[in-house]
Protein backbone atom coordinates (compact mmCIF):
# COMPACT_ATOMS: atom_id res chain seq x y z
CA MET A 1 73.52 89.49 126.67
CA SER A 2 76.33 87.34 125.32
CA VAL A 3 78.51 88.26 122.40
CA ASP A 4 79.38 85.67 119.77
CA GLY A 5 78.05 82.97 122.02
CA ALA A 6 80.11 83.84 125.08
CA GLU A 7 78.49 83.86 128.50
CA PRO A 8 78.40 87.28 130.20
CA ASP A 9 80.59 86.16 133.13
CA LYS A 10 83.01 84.18 130.99
CA PRO A 11 84.29 86.48 128.27
CA GLY A 12 86.51 84.88 125.70
CA LEU A 13 85.49 81.25 126.17
CA ILE A 14 83.59 80.95 122.88
CA VAL A 15 84.22 84.19 121.12
CA ASN A 16 85.07 82.78 117.70
CA PRO A 17 82.15 80.62 116.52
CA PRO A 18 82.63 78.04 113.78
CA ALA A 19 82.61 79.45 110.27
CA SER A 20 83.13 78.12 106.78
CA VAL A 21 86.55 77.92 105.23
CA SER A 22 85.21 80.09 102.41
CA TYR A 23 84.46 82.84 104.92
CA ALA A 24 87.99 82.64 106.30
CA MET A 25 89.45 82.82 102.80
CA GLY A 26 87.28 85.85 102.04
CA LEU A 27 88.61 87.62 105.15
CA MET A 28 92.17 86.80 104.14
CA ILE A 29 91.74 88.02 100.57
CA THR A 30 90.27 91.31 101.77
CA ALA A 31 93.12 91.86 104.22
CA MET A 32 95.81 91.06 101.67
CA LEU A 33 94.41 93.52 99.14
CA VAL A 34 94.29 96.31 101.74
CA VAL A 35 97.39 95.88 103.92
CA PRO A 36 99.93 96.95 101.24
CA LEU A 37 98.46 100.46 101.39
CA MET A 38 100.05 100.71 104.84
CA ASP A 39 103.43 99.94 103.28
CA VAL A 40 102.94 102.61 100.62
CA LEU A 41 102.23 105.23 103.28
CA SER A 42 105.20 104.09 105.35
CA LYS A 43 107.63 104.29 102.42
CA ASN A 44 106.33 107.76 101.58
CA LEU A 45 106.82 108.91 105.17
CA SER A 46 110.33 107.53 105.52
CA SER A 47 111.56 108.49 102.05
CA ASN A 48 109.89 111.87 101.47
CA TYR A 49 109.18 113.19 104.98
CA GLU A 50 112.22 111.72 106.79
CA ILE A 51 110.17 110.02 109.51
CA SER A 52 112.20 107.12 110.86
CA PRO A 53 110.77 103.63 110.13
CA VAL A 54 110.68 102.65 113.81
CA THR A 55 108.84 105.89 114.69
CA ILE A 56 106.20 104.91 112.15
CA THR A 57 106.00 101.40 113.61
CA PHE A 58 105.74 102.74 117.17
CA VAL A 59 102.85 105.06 116.24
CA ARG A 60 101.18 102.23 114.32
CA PHE A 61 101.07 99.91 117.35
CA LEU A 62 100.37 102.57 119.97
CA GLY A 63 97.52 103.88 117.82
CA GLN A 64 96.15 100.34 117.42
CA THR A 65 96.09 99.87 121.19
CA ILE A 66 94.33 103.17 121.84
CA LEU A 67 91.86 102.73 118.97
CA LEU A 68 90.78 99.26 120.07
CA ALA A 69 90.64 100.25 123.75
CA LEU A 70 88.12 102.91 122.72
CA ILE A 71 86.15 100.63 120.38
CA ILE A 72 85.90 97.47 122.51
CA PRO A 73 83.68 98.78 125.39
CA PRO A 74 80.81 100.14 123.25
CA VAL A 75 81.01 97.42 120.59
CA ILE A 76 81.55 94.15 122.50
CA GLY A 77 81.65 95.19 126.18
CA PHE A 78 84.08 96.30 128.90
CA ARG A 79 84.71 92.71 129.98
CA TYR A 80 86.56 92.05 126.71
CA LEU A 81 89.28 94.53 127.66
CA GLY A 82 90.85 91.69 129.63
CA GLY A 83 91.24 88.23 128.18
CA TYR A 84 92.62 84.80 129.01
CA ALA A 85 95.92 85.05 127.16
CA ILE A 86 97.20 88.55 127.87
CA GLY A 87 100.82 87.40 128.17
CA ILE A 88 100.79 85.50 124.87
CA ASN A 89 99.05 88.37 123.10
CA ILE A 90 101.66 90.84 124.35
CA LEU A 91 104.34 88.40 123.14
CA ARG A 92 102.58 88.29 119.76
CA GLY A 93 102.79 92.07 119.70
CA ILE A 94 106.49 92.10 120.53
CA ILE A 95 107.18 89.61 117.74
CA VAL A 96 105.12 91.42 115.11
CA GLY A 97 106.54 94.75 116.31
CA CYS A 98 110.02 93.45 115.51
CA ALA A 99 108.76 92.07 112.18
CA VAL A 100 107.13 95.31 111.06
CA SER A 101 110.13 97.39 112.17
CA LEU A 102 112.44 95.28 110.02
CA PHE A 103 110.09 95.55 107.06
CA PHE A 104 109.56 99.32 107.33
CA ILE A 105 113.34 99.79 107.43
CA ALA A 106 113.65 97.54 104.37
CA ILE A 107 111.11 99.44 102.25
CA LYS A 108 112.86 102.71 103.01
CA TYR A 109 115.69 101.44 100.79
CA LEU A 110 114.13 98.74 98.61
CA PRO A 111 111.38 99.15 96.01
CA LEU A 112 108.05 98.17 97.54
CA ALA A 113 107.41 95.20 95.26
CA ASP A 114 110.98 93.93 95.72
CA ALA A 115 110.64 93.88 99.51
CA ILE A 116 107.27 92.12 99.27
CA ALA A 117 108.70 89.52 96.88
CA ILE A 118 111.52 88.66 99.28
CA PHE A 119 109.00 88.49 102.14
CA PHE A 120 107.03 85.93 100.16
CA VAL A 121 109.03 83.05 101.55
CA GLU A 122 106.72 83.55 104.55
CA PRO A 123 103.79 81.41 103.30
CA LEU A 124 106.21 78.53 102.72
CA ILE A 125 107.70 78.98 106.21
CA LEU A 126 104.19 79.13 107.68
CA ILE A 127 103.09 75.95 105.92
CA VAL A 128 106.14 74.08 107.24
CA LEU A 129 105.77 75.43 110.79
CA SER A 130 102.03 74.72 110.88
CA SER A 131 102.78 71.13 109.92
CA LEU A 132 105.46 70.78 112.61
CA PHE A 133 103.80 72.61 115.52
CA LEU A 134 100.05 72.61 114.75
CA LYS A 135 100.07 69.10 113.25
CA GLU A 136 98.08 70.30 110.25
CA LYS A 137 97.87 67.80 107.41
CA ILE A 138 99.52 69.39 104.39
CA GLY A 139 98.36 67.86 101.13
CA TRP A 140 100.38 68.10 97.95
CA ARG A 141 97.82 70.40 96.34
CA ARG A 142 98.27 73.06 99.06
CA ASN A 143 102.03 72.76 98.75
CA VAL A 144 101.84 73.15 94.97
CA GLY A 145 99.53 76.15 95.32
CA ALA A 146 101.94 77.87 97.68
CA PHE A 147 104.97 77.06 95.53
CA VAL A 148 103.32 78.29 92.32
CA GLY A 149 102.37 81.54 94.06
CA PHE A 150 105.98 81.99 95.15
CA LEU A 151 107.18 81.40 91.57
CA GLY A 152 104.77 84.13 90.49
CA ALA A 153 106.39 86.51 92.96
CA LEU A 154 109.83 85.63 91.60
CA LEU A 155 108.62 86.35 88.07
CA ILE A 156 107.60 89.82 89.15
CA ILE A 157 110.84 90.81 90.85
CA GLN A 158 113.44 88.11 90.24
CA PRO A 159 115.27 89.13 93.46
CA THR A 160 118.91 88.21 93.95
CA TYR A 161 121.30 88.79 96.79
CA GLU A 162 123.69 90.39 94.32
CA VAL A 163 121.16 93.16 93.63
CA PHE A 164 119.86 93.74 97.15
CA GLY A 165 122.83 92.83 99.31
CA ALA A 166 122.43 92.44 103.07
CA THR A 167 119.27 94.58 102.99
CA SER A 168 117.43 91.59 101.53
CA LEU A 169 117.83 89.80 104.87
CA LEU A 170 115.43 92.26 106.54
CA PRO A 171 112.28 91.03 104.73
CA LEU A 172 113.46 87.46 105.35
CA GLY A 173 113.59 88.22 109.08
CA THR A 174 110.12 89.73 108.81
CA ALA A 175 108.86 86.55 107.11
CA PHE A 176 110.13 84.26 109.87
CA LEU A 177 108.82 86.46 112.71
CA PHE A 178 105.43 86.93 111.06
CA SER A 179 105.05 83.16 110.70
CA ILE A 180 105.56 82.76 114.45
CA TYR A 181 103.06 85.58 115.06
CA ILE A 182 100.43 83.73 113.01
CA LEU A 183 101.04 80.44 114.84
CA LEU A 184 100.60 82.15 118.22
CA SER A 185 97.45 83.83 116.90
CA LYS A 186 95.98 80.43 116.11
CA ARG A 187 96.88 79.18 119.59
CA VAL A 188 94.91 81.87 121.43
CA GLY A 189 92.27 82.48 118.77
CA SER A 190 89.73 80.12 120.36
CA SER A 191 89.88 81.77 123.79
CA ASP A 192 90.07 85.52 123.20
CA HIS A 193 88.10 87.88 120.98
CA PRO A 194 90.10 89.13 117.96
CA MET A 195 89.76 92.73 119.14
CA THR A 196 91.10 91.78 122.57
CA MET A 197 93.96 89.89 120.98
CA GLN A 198 94.92 92.85 118.81
CA MET A 199 94.62 95.43 121.59
CA TRP A 200 97.17 93.59 123.74
CA ALA A 201 99.30 92.81 120.69
CA GLY A 202 99.34 96.53 119.94
CA LEU A 203 100.67 97.17 123.43
CA GLY A 204 103.39 94.56 122.95
CA GLY A 205 104.35 96.07 119.61
CA ALA A 206 104.49 99.58 121.10
CA LEU A 207 106.71 98.35 123.95
CA ALA A 208 109.09 96.65 121.51
CA CYS A 209 109.30 99.67 119.23
CA GLY A 210 109.66 102.05 122.17
CA SER A 211 112.66 100.01 123.30
CA PHE A 212 114.12 100.18 119.79
CA LEU A 213 113.74 103.96 119.78
CA LEU A 214 115.62 104.27 123.06
CA LEU A 215 118.33 101.94 121.78
CA GLY A 216 118.53 103.79 118.48
CA LYS A 217 118.99 107.12 120.22
CA ALA A 218 121.74 105.70 122.44
CA LEU A 219 123.60 104.12 119.51
CA GLY A 220 122.92 106.87 116.99
CA PHE A 221 120.98 104.69 114.51
CA GLU A 222 118.96 107.09 112.36
CA ASP A 223 116.33 104.52 111.31
CA MET A 224 115.69 103.69 114.99
CA THR A 225 115.67 107.25 116.33
CA TYR A 226 112.39 108.95 117.23
CA THR A 227 111.23 111.57 114.73
CA HIS A 228 108.54 113.92 116.02
CA PRO A 229 105.74 114.27 113.44
CA ARG A 230 104.65 117.88 113.06
CA ASP A 231 103.41 118.24 109.49
CA GLN A 232 99.65 117.82 109.03
CA ASP A 233 100.16 115.51 106.06
CA VAL A 234 102.43 113.33 108.19
CA LEU A 235 99.81 113.07 110.92
CA LEU A 236 97.13 112.16 108.37
CA MET A 237 99.30 109.43 106.86
CA LEU A 238 100.18 108.06 110.29
CA GLY A 239 96.48 107.98 111.12
CA GLY A 240 95.84 106.10 107.88
CA ILE A 241 98.50 103.55 108.78
CA VAL A 242 96.90 102.99 112.20
CA VAL A 243 93.43 102.43 110.73
CA ILE A 244 94.60 100.22 107.86
CA ALA A 245 96.91 98.13 110.04
CA THR A 246 94.32 97.66 112.80
CA GLY A 247 91.54 96.67 110.41
CA ALA A 248 93.66 94.43 108.19
CA HIS A 249 95.29 92.55 111.06
CA LEU A 250 91.91 92.01 112.69
CA LEU A 251 90.79 90.33 109.48
CA ILE A 252 94.00 88.25 109.35
CA VAL A 253 93.58 87.06 112.94
CA MET A 254 89.91 86.23 112.36
CA ALA A 255 90.79 84.28 109.22
CA PHE A 256 93.56 82.21 110.83
CA THR A 257 91.33 81.30 113.79
CA LYS A 258 88.76 79.85 111.39
CA ALA A 259 90.89 77.89 108.90
CA ASP A 260 94.17 76.00 108.68
CA ALA A 261 97.27 78.11 108.18
CA SER A 262 98.26 75.95 105.22
CA ILE A 263 94.99 76.87 103.45
CA LEU A 264 95.33 80.61 103.99
CA ALA A 265 99.09 81.06 103.58
CA PRO A 266 99.12 81.15 99.75
CA PHE A 267 96.64 84.03 99.72
CA GLN A 268 99.35 86.27 101.13
CA TYR A 269 100.75 86.40 97.61
CA LEU A 270 97.81 88.64 96.70
CA GLU A 271 99.67 91.48 98.41
CA ILE A 272 101.85 91.77 95.34
CA VAL A 273 98.81 92.74 93.24
CA THR A 274 97.95 95.80 95.32
CA MET A 275 101.63 96.61 95.76
CA THR A 276 102.25 96.55 92.01
CA ILE A 277 99.24 98.75 91.30
CA ALA A 278 100.27 101.18 94.04
CA GLY A 279 103.82 101.24 92.70
CA TYR A 280 102.47 102.37 89.34
CA VAL A 281 100.00 104.93 90.70
CA VAL A 282 102.31 106.45 93.33
CA PHE A 283 105.79 105.90 91.86
CA GLY A 284 105.06 105.51 88.13
CA ASP A 285 106.49 102.00 87.89
CA PHE A 286 104.37 100.22 85.25
CA PRO A 287 104.73 96.42 85.28
CA THR A 288 106.54 94.77 82.41
CA PRO A 289 104.97 91.80 80.57
CA ILE A 290 106.87 89.30 82.73
CA LYS A 291 105.59 91.05 85.85
CA TRP A 292 102.03 90.76 84.56
CA LEU A 293 102.67 87.05 84.01
CA GLY A 294 103.76 86.82 87.64
CA ILE A 295 100.65 88.68 88.82
CA PHE A 296 98.34 86.35 86.89
CA THR A 297 100.27 83.34 88.21
CA ILE A 298 99.71 84.53 91.79
CA ILE A 299 96.02 85.20 91.19
CA GLY A 300 95.62 81.81 89.51
CA SER A 301 97.21 79.90 92.40
CA GLY A 302 95.03 81.74 94.90
CA LEU A 303 91.85 81.09 92.92
CA TYR A 304 92.75 77.40 92.58
CA ILE A 305 93.10 76.98 96.33
CA PHE A 306 90.01 79.12 97.02
CA PHE A 307 87.61 77.16 94.79
CA ARG A 308 89.05 73.76 95.74
CA GLU A 309 88.79 74.41 99.48
CA ARG A 310 85.31 75.92 99.08
CA ARG A 311 84.18 72.77 97.27
CA LEU A 312 85.67 70.52 99.97
CA ASP A 313 84.09 72.67 102.68
CA ALA A 314 80.67 72.47 101.01
CA GLU A 315 80.98 68.66 100.69
CA ALA A 316 81.90 68.35 104.37
CA ARG A 317 78.94 70.49 105.44
CA ALA A 318 76.59 68.44 103.25
CA ILE A 319 77.74 65.22 104.94
CA THR A 320 77.23 66.66 108.45
């Protein structure tokens, strides 16, 4: 029996059936509200348990590979362990492995919300790159939505190089690499199942981080040196990171294979909402009035894009 419309002997040909833009936006919103929890656990591990950021990243990607390799056969079939774009998916993993490593190192030293705010140039980078390389038509309303969301992030943190120094370049590097990761995801999204894509990406990420750990040991870089997790709490948090990261990135990949990158990019600003709440609950950092203004600005820009694109999608379906 086929899965998602794919023929039994041709896995991956039609594994991502057409879906509404509203569905893609819903997937993206869910992922963005959940994925910051991974960053909270990572900061706790690196700051309070002295687990190196690259060790955390290595476990995150290796765990993703193992978890999906176990899930794929019973859920969608053994034939989906392969795929048509293994090389590109491994490359995706290497790129996102580098991106996450940079970000986990950054949040070891920066406040969570600060690091996220700096990272929020990523939707703007993604919109530009999707226009250049995917030939997506970027209307002024999408550009305004993305820019307003970014202004909301600046209201929350107001980051400056003078405050953060060279450390602020790490989230910027993450933003650029993650944009490339998303573009490659869109390229292979029509040929491979999202689970297959993420299993091979996990392998690529584990290979990249494993190389960083070897390099870190040779050069004596503490943040890139392997730290063996022994404490039960550490193992539980690492397991939580694996589950959250695997599930959230599956949703992200599914979303970007079903809608234009320029539509979904502004919804990444929703991360700041969960991150701000988590910062208060875990670290006791209650948002100031100007931060609340930034949060509502971000939510407003996301809702504007959501309802506008849903209306356009409904009109297009009515015509067809």
